[in-house]
Amino acid sequence: MKNFKEGLNPSKILVMGFAILILIGAFLLTLPIATEDGKGLPFLDALFTATSATCVTGLVVVDTGDTFSMFGEIVILSLIQIGGLGFMTFATFLFTLLGKKISLKERIVLKEAFNATSTADIVKLVKRILIFTVIAESIGGIILSIRFSFDMPTSQAIYFGFFHAISNFNNAGFDLMGEFRSLTEYVDDPFVVITICSLIILGGLGFVVIQELYEYRETRRISLHTKVVLSTTLTLIVGAAMIIFLFEYGNDKTLGPLSSTGKALGALFHSVTPRTAGANTLPMGDLTHATLFLTIFLMFIGGGSGSTAGGIKVTTFAVLMATASSQLKGKQDVVLFKRRIVIESILKALTVAMSGIMIVIIVTFFLSITEQGHDFIMYLFEATSAFGTVGLSMGLTPELSPIGRILIILTMFVGRLGPLTLGFAISKRRKKEAFRHPKGNIMIG
């Protein structure tokens, strides 16, 4: 146990686990059997794809449907599923099947992986996560399979249906449509839009939230965390959908030619997908700058804690907004749903947000150096998409230089694990300070 505490803390185990999974996936994608042309991917492209799949991002340097064989696509899908739920989830499942008892060390790692508050009932949570995942992906896969069967052979429709259900539930955004089209052909199709939006939202709420909602009939209790996640998510989706509808209503390259229903579906999808799925039904390069900027904002926020989504998380955003509101109103306490937020949570939210902002700024700065000849918003969009593990792109990803690809690989990795997890993994174990410095005042604002 001493060696575990000093050498392999939970954060380090998560970082190492994801890194090993990415390397295994990259190796498999370099094999000749992984691509349609029988040559395999160059290692850097394979590493980029494996990182994007494991970190459930969806940014691609080669089109998934046109480039990979079924073997390669299944490798990508496996990385998405394991990366989305976390390798510790699958390890726990295998240990349970083998009758092995889950140790305290493994419970601590699971707690870190799901950002849970304690190790109590963590194994029970993992089992419910797996059951819920199977149910959600199966229902989504069946609906999409039926819809796709009108456009392609039945066997292909089933394969496409379940691939896209798994990809979008895990907020990955990989697709098999070819030619980097994503789901643009289904922009006004209610079956595809509503099904995939539902999968994205369910995967992005957070498994702790899902469990609380499942147990509500018995407990009749909803925690502050769940209230904040649900209310903030609903506000962002509805608010963003209305704004996108207005911004793109007259855009002949996006919502303009569609019917009123099609416009509503297109706006809804693009208010949901930045949270952080990556599929798109509207061509990203043709959106207005106002919509692109709103999309960047949504990508940076992301989804719920302990979910398949990335970003700084909706709870972080909610705490920051509540803190700003309290300060502007001259109140001493930060309150959400009649509950006072503890200072530790406020400081953590500030740390996560500032870390995210600095990462996006630095990556954008270097992309503007290595990838010259594009509009600045493309660099900012790409950096935010990678950090938020979203996968939306204005077309820059396939054109990235080797240095640019390495930069985005690192950004996706940091975005999936989170700045705090990586910070704790790199830093030494925090010790209690022997003394406290005297107070000091600084003028702010």
Protein backbone atom coordinates (compact mmCIF):
# COMPACT_ATOMS: atom_id res chain seq x y z
CA MET A 1 0.00 0.00 0.00
CA LYS A 2 2.86 2.35 0.75
CA ASN A 3 4.27 1.84 -2.76
CA PHE A 4 0.81 2.52 -4.20
CA LYS A 5 0.49 5.81 -2.34
CA GLU A 6 3.94 7.06 -3.25
CA GLY A 7 4.36 5.70 -6.75
CA LEU A 8 1.01 4.85 -8.30
CA ASN A 9 -1.69 7.15 -7.01
CA PRO A 10 -5.15 6.94 -8.68
CA SER A 11 -4.38 9.83 -11.04
CA LYS A 12 -1.20 8.17 -12.29
CA ILE A 13 -3.00 4.88 -12.83
CA LEU A 14 -5.65 6.62 -14.95
CA VAL A 15 -3.05 8.51 -17.00
CA MET A 16 -0.96 5.38 -17.58
CA GLY A 17 -4.03 3.28 -18.38
CA PHE A 18 -5.29 5.67 -21.05
CA ALA A 19 -1.79 6.05 -22.51
CA ILE A 20 -1.31 2.28 -22.80
CA LEU A 21 -4.76 1.85 -24.37
CA ILE A 22 -3.97 4.54 -26.94
CA LEU A 23 -0.64 2.93 -27.87
CA ILE A 24 -2.27 -0.50 -28.29
CA GLY A 25 -4.96 1.04 -30.50
CA ALA A 26 -2.39 2.94 -32.56
CA PHE A 27 -0.40 -0.24 -33.16
CA LEU A 28 -3.51 -2.11 -34.31
CA LEU A 29 -4.43 0.67 -36.72
CA THR A 30 -1.00 0.50 -38.37
CA LEU A 31 -1.62 -3.14 -39.35
CA PRO A 32 -2.39 -3.77 -43.05
CA ILE A 33 -5.70 -5.43 -42.08
CA ALA A 34 -6.92 -2.17 -40.50
CA THR A 35 -7.34 -0.19 -43.75
CA GLU A 36 -9.19 -0.71 -47.01
CA ASP A 37 -6.03 -0.38 -49.10
CA GLY A 38 -4.23 -3.06 -47.07
CA LYS A 39 -1.32 -0.76 -46.18
CA GLY A 40 -2.23 0.31 -42.66
CA LEU A 41 -2.02 3.87 -41.38
CA PRO A 42 1.25 5.75 -40.86
CA PHE A 43 2.04 5.68 -37.13
CA LEU A 44 1.33 9.38 -36.48
CA ASP A 45 -2.07 9.15 -38.18
CA ALA A 46 -2.78 5.93 -36.27
CA LEU A 47 -1.76 7.57 -33.00
CA PHE A 48 -3.98 10.56 -33.73
CA THR A 49 -6.97 8.32 -34.54
CA ALA A 50 -6.42 6.08 -31.51
CA THR A 51 -6.13 9.11 -29.22
CA SER A 52 -9.26 10.67 -30.70
CA ALA A 53 -11.21 7.41 -30.24
CA THR A 54 -9.94 6.63 -26.72
CA CYS A 55 -10.48 10.22 -25.60
CA VAL A 56 -13.93 10.08 -27.28
CA THR A 57 -13.20 13.19 -29.30
CA GLY A 58 -13.98 12.48 -32.96
CA LEU A 59 -11.37 14.64 -34.66
CA VAL A 60 -10.02 12.68 -37.65
CA VAL A 61 -7.16 13.18 -40.07
CA VAL A 62 -8.60 10.53 -42.42
CA ASP A 63 -12.25 9.74 -43.05
CA THR A 64 -13.30 6.75 -40.95
CA GLY A 65 -15.81 5.27 -43.40
CA ASP A 66 -13.60 5.61 -46.47
CA THR A 67 -10.24 4.63 -44.94
CA PHE A 68 -10.73 1.76 -42.51
CA SER A 69 -11.70 -1.85 -43.03
CA MET A 70 -14.23 -3.48 -40.72
CA PHE A 71 -11.33 -4.60 -38.51
CA GLY A 72 -10.09 -1.01 -38.22
CA GLU A 73 -13.59 0.29 -37.55
CA ILE A 74 -14.14 -2.27 -34.80
CA VAL A 75 -10.80 -1.32 -33.23
CA ILE A 76 -11.95 2.32 -33.22
CA LEU A 77 -15.36 1.37 -31.81
CA SER A 78 -13.71 -0.68 -29.05
CA LEU A 79 -11.46 2.24 -28.13
CA ILE A 80 -14.51 4.52 -28.04
CA GLN A 81 -16.42 2.19 -25.73
CA ILE A 82 -13.52 1.54 -23.37
CA GLY A 83 -12.38 5.15 -23.43
CA GLY A 84 -15.89 6.49 -22.92
CA LEU A 85 -16.74 4.37 -19.89
CA GLY A 86 -13.17 4.12 -18.64
CA PHE A 87 -10.86 1.11 -18.68
CA MET A 88 -11.37 0.65 -14.93
CA THR A 89 -15.08 0.06 -15.57
CA PHE A 90 -14.28 -2.86 -17.84
CA ALA A 91 -11.59 -4.16 -15.50
CA THR A 92 -14.13 -4.15 -12.66
CA PHE A 93 -16.62 -5.99 -14.87
CA LEU A 94 -14.05 -8.68 -15.71
CA PHE A 95 -12.99 -9.04 -12.06
CA THR A 96 -16.63 -9.45 -11.06
CA LEU A 97 -17.19 -12.14 -13.69
CA LEU A 98 -14.13 -13.99 -12.43
CA GLY A 99 -15.38 -13.73 -8.86
CA LYS A 100 -12.49 -11.52 -7.76
CA LYS A 101 -13.09 -9.08 -4.93
CA ILE A 102 -12.55 -5.40 -5.78
CA SER A 103 -9.83 -4.08 -3.51
CA LEU A 104 -9.78 -0.70 -1.75
CA LYS A 105 -7.03 0.45 -4.14
CA GLU A 106 -9.21 -0.34 -7.14
CA ARG A 107 -12.20 1.36 -5.54
CA ILE A 108 -10.14 4.51 -5.05
CA VAL A 109 -9.16 4.49 -8.74
CA LEU A 110 -12.83 4.04 -9.71
CA LYS A 111 -13.77 6.96 -7.46
CA GLU A 112 -11.18 9.11 -9.26
CA ALA A 113 -12.35 7.93 -12.69
CA PHE A 114 -15.99 8.87 -12.07
CA ASN A 115 -15.22 11.94 -9.99
CA ALA A 116 -17.34 10.44 -7.22
CA THR A 117 -17.37 11.85 -3.70
CA SER A 118 -16.69 8.51 -1.94
CA THR A 119 -15.91 4.85 -2.54
CA ALA A 120 -19.20 3.75 -0.97
CA ASP A 121 -21.27 1.66 -3.41
CA ILE A 122 -18.80 2.49 -6.22
CA VAL A 123 -18.84 -1.11 -7.51
CA LYS A 124 -22.64 -1.07 -7.53
CA LEU A 125 -22.47 2.16 -9.54
CA VAL A 126 -20.15 0.53 -12.09
CA LYS A 127 -22.54 -2.41 -12.57
CA ARG A 128 -25.45 -0.05 -13.12
CA ILE A 129 -23.39 2.01 -15.55
CA LEU A 130 -22.74 -1.07 -17.67
CA ILE A 131 -26.40 -2.12 -17.62
CA PHE A 132 -27.58 1.39 -18.49
CA THR A 133 -25.01 1.65 -21.28
CA VAL A 134 -26.11 -1.62 -22.86
CA ILE A 135 -29.79 -0.60 -22.69
CA ALA A 136 -29.24 2.92 -24.07
CA GLU A 137 -26.93 1.82 -26.88
CA SER A 138 -29.20 -1.11 -27.80
CA ILE A 139 -32.34 1.02 -28.04
CA GLY A 140 -30.48 3.71 -29.98
CA GLY A 141 -28.88 1.11 -32.23
CA ILE A 142 -32.21 -0.54 -33.04
CA ILE A 143 -33.93 2.76 -33.91
CA LEU A 144 -31.03 3.91 -36.10
CA SER A 145 -30.80 0.48 -37.76
CA ILE A 146 -34.46 0.62 -38.73
CA ARG A 147 -34.05 4.13 -40.13
CA PHE A 148 -30.85 3.33 -42.03
CA SER A 149 -32.46 0.19 -43.51
CA PHE A 150 -34.44 2.47 -45.84
CA ASP A 151 -31.17 3.77 -47.32
CA MET A 152 -28.89 0.71 -47.37
CA PRO A 153 -28.88 -3.11 -47.14
CA THR A 154 -30.19 -4.50 -43.83
CA SER A 155 -26.86 -5.91 -42.63
CA GLN A 156 -25.10 -2.62 -43.30
CA ALA A 157 -27.94 -0.69 -41.67
CA ILE A 158 -27.60 -2.74 -38.47
CA TYR A 159 -23.84 -2.23 -38.42
CA PHE A 160 -24.18 1.51 -39.08
CA GLY A 161 -26.99 1.82 -36.55
CA PHE A 162 -25.07 0.30 -33.64
CA PHE A 163 -21.77 1.96 -34.60
CA HIS A 164 -23.34 5.41 -34.50
CA ALA A 165 -25.32 4.61 -31.35
CA ILE A 166 -22.17 3.58 -29.46
CA SER A 167 -20.15 6.44 -30.90
CA ASN A 168 -22.67 9.12 -29.94
CA PHE A 169 -23.64 7.72 -26.52
CA ASN A 170 -19.94 7.91 -25.66
CA ASN A 171 -19.86 11.45 -27.10
CA ALA A 172 -17.23 10.43 -29.67
CA GLY A 173 -18.74 11.64 -32.96
CA PHE A 174 -17.02 9.13 -35.25
CA ASP A 175 -19.18 8.23 -38.26
CA LEU A 176 -19.12 5.88 -41.25
CA MET A 177 -20.92 8.05 -43.79
CA GLY A 178 -17.77 8.83 -45.78
CA GLU A 179 -16.28 11.95 -47.37
CA PHE A 180 -16.23 13.77 -44.00
CA ARG A 181 -20.01 14.30 -44.37
CA SER A 182 -20.96 13.19 -40.86
CA LEU A 183 -24.79 13.24 -40.60
CA THR A 184 -25.48 16.18 -42.92
CA GLU A 185 -27.79 14.01 -45.05
CA TYR A 186 -30.11 13.59 -42.05
CA VAL A 187 -30.30 17.23 -40.95
CA ASP A 188 -34.13 17.28 -41.04
CA ASP A 189 -34.75 13.62 -40.19
CA PRO A 190 -36.51 13.48 -36.78
CA PHE A 191 -35.66 9.80 -36.17
CA VAL A 192 -31.92 10.31 -36.57
CA VAL A 193 -31.73 13.76 -34.96
CA ILE A 194 -33.84 12.99 -31.88
CA THR A 195 -32.27 9.55 -31.33
CA ILE A 196 -28.71 10.79 -31.54
CA CYS A 197 -29.46 13.91 -29.48
CA SER A 198 -30.96 11.67 -26.78
CA LEU A 199 -27.89 9.41 -26.80
CA ILE A 200 -25.53 12.39 -26.55
CA ILE A 201 -27.48 13.93 -23.66
CA LEU A 202 -27.77 10.64 -21.74
CA GLY A 203 -24.05 9.96 -22.15
CA GLY A 204 -23.16 13.51 -21.13
CA LEU A 205 -25.26 13.91 -17.98
CA GLY A 206 -22.97 11.84 -15.79
CA PHE A 207 -23.57 8.36 -14.41
CA VAL A 208 -24.07 9.59 -10.86
CA VAL A 209 -26.95 11.73 -12.13
CA ILE A 210 -28.45 8.78 -14.02
CA GLN A 211 -28.27 6.62 -10.89
CA GLU A 212 -29.98 9.26 -8.76
CA LEU A 213 -32.78 9.61 -11.28
CA TYR A 214 -33.16 5.82 -11.35
CA GLU A 215 -33.38 5.63 -7.55
CA TYR A 216 -35.68 8.65 -7.20
CA ARG A 217 -38.84 6.53 -6.86
CA GLU A 218 -37.37 4.96 -3.74
CA THR A 219 -35.35 7.82 -2.25
CA ARG A 220 -37.48 10.80 -3.30
CA ARG A 221 -34.25 12.76 -3.10
CA ILE A 222 -32.28 14.70 -5.70
CA SER A 223 -28.84 15.95 -4.73
CA LEU A 224 -27.59 19.47 -5.38
CA HIS A 225 -25.18 18.10 -7.99
CA THR A 226 -27.97 16.49 -10.01
CA LYS A 227 -30.16 19.61 -9.79
CA VAL A 228 -27.32 21.78 -11.07
CA VAL A 229 -26.43 19.39 -13.91
CA LEU A 230 -30.03 19.00 -15.11
CA SER A 231 -30.97 22.68 -14.88
CA THR A 232 -27.75 23.95 -16.48
CA THR A 233 -27.90 21.34 -19.25
CA LEU A 234 -31.51 22.21 -20.08
CA THR A 235 -30.76 25.94 -20.06
CA LEU A 236 -27.75 25.57 -22.36
CA ILE A 237 -29.54 23.30 -24.83
CA VAL A 238 -32.74 25.34 -25.09
CA GLY A 239 -30.96 28.70 -25.05
CA ALA A 240 -28.37 27.65 -27.63
CA ALA A 241 -31.01 26.09 -29.92
CA MET A 242 -33.00 29.34 -29.97
CA ILE A 243 -29.92 31.43 -30.69
CA ILE A 244 -28.66 29.10 -33.46
CA PHE A 245 -32.16 29.10 -34.99
CA LEU A 246 -32.06 32.91 -35.19
CA PHE A 247 -28.45 33.17 -36.37
CA GLU A 248 -28.78 30.54 -39.12
CA TYR A 249 -32.41 31.09 -40.15
CA GLY A 250 -31.51 33.03 -43.28
CA ASN A 251 -28.21 31.29 -44.03
CA ASP A 252 -28.67 29.63 -47.44
CA LYS A 253 -25.81 27.21 -46.72
CA THR A 254 -27.21 25.87 -43.44
CA LEU A 255 -30.81 26.25 -42.16
CA GLY A 256 -32.04 28.56 -44.91
CA PRO A 257 -33.34 25.97 -47.43
CA LEU A 258 -34.99 23.76 -44.77
CA SER A 259 -38.61 23.68 -43.66
CA SER A 260 -39.59 25.12 -40.27
CA THR A 261 -39.35 21.64 -38.74
CA GLY A 262 -36.00 21.06 -40.42
CA LYS A 263 -34.70 24.38 -39.10
CA ALA A 264 -35.79 23.46 -35.57
CA LEU A 265 -34.17 20.02 -35.79
CA GLY A 266 -30.95 21.48 -37.20
CA ALA A 267 -30.77 24.10 -34.45
CA LEU A 268 -31.53 21.51 -31.76
CA PHE A 269 -28.84 19.13 -32.99
CA HIS A 270 -26.21 21.85 -33.06
CA SER A 271 -27.08 22.99 -29.57
CA VAL A 272 -26.55 19.42 -28.30
CA THR A 273 -23.55 18.15 -30.27
CA PRO A 274 -20.97 20.65 -28.89
CA ARG A 275 -21.60 19.05 -25.49
CA THR A 276 -19.26 17.11 -26.50
CA ALA A 277 -20.20 14.69 -29.26
CA GLY A 278 -18.74 15.95 -32.52
CA ALA A 279 -21.31 14.72 -35.04
CA ASN A 280 -22.81 17.43 -37.21
CA THR A 281 -25.83 17.81 -39.49
CA LEU A 282 -24.84 21.27 -40.75
CA PRO A 283 -21.55 22.02 -42.59
CA MET A 284 -19.37 23.62 -39.91
CA GLY A 285 -17.42 25.78 -42.34
CA ASP A 286 -20.63 27.45 -43.56
CA LEU A 287 -21.96 28.53 -40.17
CA THR A 288 -21.99 32.22 -39.33
CA HIS A 289 -19.19 33.53 -37.12
CA ALA A 290 -21.71 34.21 -34.37
CA THR A 291 -22.81 30.55 -34.35
CA LEU A 292 -19.20 29.38 -34.47
CA PHE A 293 -18.34 31.53 -31.47
CA LEU A 294 -21.36 30.19 -29.57
CA THR A 295 -20.25 26.65 -30.49
CA ILE A 296 -16.77 27.35 -29.09
CA PHE A 297 -18.40 28.54 -25.86
CA LEU A 298 -20.52 25.36 -25.61
CA MET A 299 -17.56 23.10 -26.44
CA PHE A 300 -15.51 24.66 -23.67
CA ILE A 301 -18.26 24.04 -21.09
CA GLY A 302 -18.88 20.43 -22.09
CA GLY A 303 -21.12 18.00 -20.21
CA GLY A 304 -21.55 16.60 -16.71
CA SER A 305 -18.86 15.37 -14.34
CA GLY A 306 -18.24 11.63 -14.37
CA SER A 307 -19.76 11.28 -17.85
CA THR A 308 -18.45 10.44 -21.31
CA ALA A 309 -18.29 14.17 -22.10
CA GLY A 310 -15.35 16.56 -21.83
CA GLY A 311 -14.96 20.29 -21.25
CA ILE A 312 -14.73 22.08 -17.92
CA LYS A 313 -18.17 20.55 -17.08
CA VAL A 314 -21.54 22.21 -16.53
CA THR A 315 -21.17 22.18 -12.75
CA THR A 316 -17.95 24.20 -13.01
CA PHE A 317 -19.72 26.72 -15.24
CA ALA A 318 -22.71 26.92 -12.87
CA VAL A 319 -20.52 27.50 -9.82
CA LEU A 320 -18.56 30.23 -11.61
CA MET A 321 -21.75 31.99 -12.71
CA ALA A 322 -23.20 31.75 -9.20
CA THR A 323 -19.96 33.12 -7.74
CA ALA A 324 -19.94 36.08 -10.12
CA SER A 325 -23.62 36.75 -9.40
CA SER A 326 -23.03 36.70 -5.64
CA GLN A 327 -20.11 39.10 -5.92
CA LEU A 328 -22.03 41.52 -8.13
CA LYS A 329 -24.93 41.50 -5.68
CA GLY A 330 -22.59 42.05 -2.72
CA LYS A 331 -23.48 38.74 -1.08
CA GLN A 332 -21.02 36.88 1.12
CA ASP A 333 -22.10 33.33 0.23
CA VAL A 334 -22.40 31.58 -3.12
CA VAL A 335 -25.79 29.84 -3.20
CA LEU A 336 -27.33 27.35 -5.63
CA PHE A 337 -30.78 25.85 -4.98
CA LYS A 338 -30.73 27.23 -1.42
CA ARG A 339 -27.43 25.51 -0.66
CA ARG A 340 -24.22 27.36 0.18
CA ILE A 341 -21.31 26.27 -2.01
CA VAL A 342 -18.18 25.52 0.01
CA ILE A 343 -15.04 27.50 -0.77
CA GLU A 344 -13.17 24.33 -1.83
CA SER A 345 -15.64 23.77 -4.68
CA ILE A 346 -15.37 27.40 -5.79
CA LEU A 347 -11.55 27.27 -5.83
CA LYS A 348 -11.61 23.96 -7.72
CA ALA A 349 -14.01 25.42 -10.29
CA LEU A 350 -11.75 28.44 -10.76
CA THR A 351 -8.71 26.19 -11.14
CA VAL A 352 -10.38 23.95 -13.72
CA ALA A 353 -11.70 26.90 -15.73
CA MET A 354 -8.43 28.84 -15.68
CA SER A 355 -6.45 25.72 -16.58
CA GLY A 356 -8.79 25.10 -19.50
CA ILE A 357 -8.56 28.70 -20.70
CA MET A 358 -4.75 28.64 -20.55
CA ILE A 359 -4.57 25.32 -22.43
CA VAL A 360 -6.87 26.59 -25.20
CA ILE A 361 -4.92 29.87 -25.47
CA ILE A 362 -1.55 28.11 -25.65
CA VAL A 363 -2.72 25.53 -28.21
CA THR A 364 -4.38 28.22 -30.32
CA PHE A 365 -1.18 30.27 -30.22
CA PHE A 366 1.00 27.39 -31.41
CA LEU A 367 -1.50 26.30 -34.07
CA SER A 368 -1.41 29.82 -35.50
CA ILE A 369 2.36 29.35 -35.87
CA THR A 370 2.48 25.79 -37.22
CA GLU A 371 -0.67 25.94 -39.40
CA GLN A 372 -0.45 29.23 -41.26
CA GLY A 373 -2.84 30.45 -43.93
CA HIS A 374 -6.17 30.00 -42.10
CA ASP A 375 -8.57 32.29 -40.28
CA PHE A 376 -7.84 32.74 -36.59
CA ILE A 377 -11.25 31.33 -35.61
CA MET A 378 -10.24 27.99 -37.14
CA TYR A 379 -7.29 27.70 -34.74
CA LEU A 380 -9.43 28.65 -31.74
CA PHE A 381 -12.18 26.29 -32.84
CA GLU A 382 -9.77 23.36 -33.31
CA ALA A 383 -8.04 23.92 -29.97
CA THR A 384 -11.32 24.15 -28.06
CA SER A 385 -12.74 21.11 -29.83
CA ALA A 386 -9.68 19.06 -28.89
CA PHE A 387 -9.64 20.26 -25.26
CA GLY A 388 -13.38 19.66 -24.88
CA THR A 389 -13.03 16.25 -26.60
CA VAL A 390 -15.78 17.35 -28.97
CA GLY A 391 -14.60 16.41 -32.44
CA LEU A 392 -16.21 19.22 -34.44
CA SER A 393 -13.89 20.79 -36.99
CA MET A 394 -14.04 23.56 -39.57
CA GLY A 395 -11.88 21.42 -41.86
CA LEU A 396 -8.46 22.09 -40.34
CA THR A 397 -7.83 18.62 -38.85
CA PRO A 398 -6.99 16.71 -42.08
CA GLU A 399 -4.61 19.52 -43.09
CA LEU A 400 -2.65 19.60 -39.82
CA SER A 401 1.13 19.42 -40.05
CA PRO A 402 2.94 16.68 -38.05
CA ILE A 403 3.66 19.19 -35.27
CA GLY A 404 0.04 20.33 -35.31
CA ARG A 405 -1.16 16.73 -35.04
CA ILE A 406 1.08 16.04 -32.06
CA LEU A 407 -0.19 19.22 -30.43
CA ILE A 408 -3.83 18.18 -30.90
CA ILE A 409 -3.05 14.64 -29.67
CA LEU A 410 -1.69 16.06 -26.41
CA THR A 411 -4.65 18.43 -26.10
CA MET A 412 -7.18 15.63 -26.53
CA PHE A 413 -5.35 13.55 -23.91
CA VAL A 414 -5.33 16.42 -21.40
CA GLY A 415 -8.96 17.24 -22.17
CA ARG A 416 -10.16 13.68 -21.59
CA LEU A 417 -8.38 13.15 -18.30
CA GLY A 418 -8.80 16.72 -17.08
CA PRO A 419 -6.15 19.24 -16.00
CA LEU A 420 -6.54 18.38 -12.30
CA THR A 421 -6.06 14.63 -12.83
CA LEU A 422 -2.91 15.23 -14.84
CA GLY A 423 -1.69 17.78 -12.31
CA PHE A 424 -2.15 15.34 -9.42
CA ALA A 425 -0.46 12.60 -11.46
CA ILE A 426 2.60 14.74 -12.16
CA SER A 427 2.93 16.46 -8.80
CA LYS A 428 4.05 14.90 -5.58
CA ARG A 429 1.58 13.99 -2.89
CA ARG A 430 0.29 17.11 -1.25
CA LYS A 431 1.49 17.64 2.32
CA LYS A 432 -0.10 19.65 5.07
CA GLU A 433 1.61 23.02 5.36
CA ALA A 434 3.66 23.48 8.53
CA PHE A 435 2.65 27.14 8.86
CA ARG A 436 0.40 29.77 7.30
CA HIS A 437 1.62 33.06 5.87
CA PRO A 438 0.18 36.35 7.13
CA LYS A 439 -2.80 37.76 5.21
CA GLY A 440 -2.24 40.21 2.35
CA ASN A 441 -4.62 42.46 0.44
CA ILE A 442 -4.56 43.06 -3.33
CA MET A 443 -6.79 45.49 -5.22
CA ILE A 444 -9.01 43.56 -7.65
CA GLY A 445 -10.97 45.06 -10.52
